[in-house]
Protein backbone atom coordinates (compact mmCIF):
# COMPACT_ATOMS: atom_id res chain seq x y z
CA MET A 1 -12.69 -33.78 27.10
CA GLU A 2 -12.62 -32.23 30.55
CA LEU A 3 -10.52 -29.14 30.99
CA LYS A 4 -8.36 -30.93 33.54
CA ASP A 5 -7.43 -33.42 30.78
CA ILE A 6 -6.12 -30.75 28.41
CA LYS A 7 -2.37 -31.06 28.46
CA GLY A 8 -0.02 -29.95 25.75
CA ILE A 9 -0.32 -27.68 22.79
CA ASP A 10 -2.14 -30.16 20.54
CA ALA A 11 -4.90 -30.63 23.09
CA ILE A 12 -5.16 -26.85 23.57
CA LEU A 13 -5.45 -26.25 19.83
CA SER A 14 -8.00 -29.04 19.43
CA GLN A 15 -10.12 -27.65 22.26
CA ALA A 16 -10.10 -24.23 20.59
CA GLY A 17 -11.51 -25.93 17.49
CA ILE A 18 -14.29 -27.51 19.53
CA TYR A 19 -15.15 -24.12 21.02
CA SER A 20 -15.11 -22.63 17.53
CA THR A 21 -17.70 -25.15 16.35
CA ILE A 22 -19.87 -24.63 19.42
CA SER A 23 -19.74 -20.85 18.93
CA GLU A 24 -20.72 -21.12 15.29
CA GLN A 25 -23.65 -23.37 16.15
CA LEU A 26 -24.80 -20.87 18.78
CA ALA A 27 -24.64 -18.01 16.28
CA ASP A 28 -26.62 -20.10 13.79
CA ASN A 29 -29.24 -20.75 16.47
CA LEU A 30 -29.47 -17.01 17.13
CA GLN A 31 -30.24 -16.48 13.43
CA ASP A 32 -33.13 -18.93 13.69
CA PHE A 33 -34.26 -17.26 16.92
CA LYS A 34 -34.31 -13.85 15.22
CA LEU A 35 -36.43 -15.25 12.38
CA LYS A 36 -38.90 -16.61 14.92
CA ILE A 37 -39.06 -13.22 16.62
CA LYS A 38 -39.56 -11.44 13.30
CA SER A 39 -42.48 -13.75 12.50
CA GLN A 40 -44.20 -12.53 15.69
CA GLN A 41 -43.69 -8.80 15.16
CA ASN A 42 -47.43 -8.20 14.94
CA GLU A 43 -47.48 -8.93 18.70
CA GLY A 44 -45.14 -6.08 19.62
CA ASP A 45 -42.08 -4.07 18.73
CA TYR A 46 -38.95 -6.17 19.08
CA ASN A 47 -36.51 -3.86 17.32
CA ASP A 48 -34.37 -3.35 20.44
CA VAL A 49 -34.23 -7.09 21.07
CA LEU A 50 -33.35 -7.81 17.45
CA LYS A 51 -30.60 -5.18 17.47
CA LEU A 52 -29.03 -6.72 20.58
CA LEU A 53 -29.31 -10.20 19.07
CA ASP A 54 -27.62 -8.95 15.89
CA GLU A 55 -24.73 -7.60 17.96
CA ALA A 56 -24.46 -10.81 19.99
CA GLU A 57 -24.54 -12.93 16.83
CA SER A 58 -21.80 -10.84 15.26
CA MET A 59 -19.59 -11.13 18.33
CA ILE A 60 -20.13 -14.87 18.53
CA TYR A 61 -19.22 -15.35 14.85
CA LYS A 62 -16.08 -13.27 15.48
CA ALA A 63 -15.21 -15.45 18.47
CA SER A 64 -15.75 -18.57 16.38
CA TYR A 65 -13.45 -17.21 13.69
CA ASN A 66 -10.72 -16.31 16.19
CA LEU A 67 -10.96 -19.74 17.81
CA SER A 68 -10.65 -21.37 14.39
CA LEU A 69 -7.45 -19.38 13.82
CA ILE A 70 -6.04 -20.84 17.03
CA GLU A 71 -6.93 -24.36 15.91
CA ALA A 72 -5.34 -23.69 12.50
CA LYS A 73 -1.98 -23.28 14.23
CA LYS A 74 -2.08 -27.06 14.66
CA GLU A 75 -1.49 -27.53 10.95
């Protein structure tokens, strides 16, 4: 659905649900990315990168949760 097609509260709430799912998938991908980085730690020190990724992942999960609360208003 294009943003220009979003009209009415039901469409708004449904779009929030879509964004919630996308956010959760992104956070899941960051988890996999961190595991890949950790498997390469013998090639350098990535602690700063991992810390920033942890923070980003946490924020994205929080965003996903908040978006799911918006979608839940549909029910």
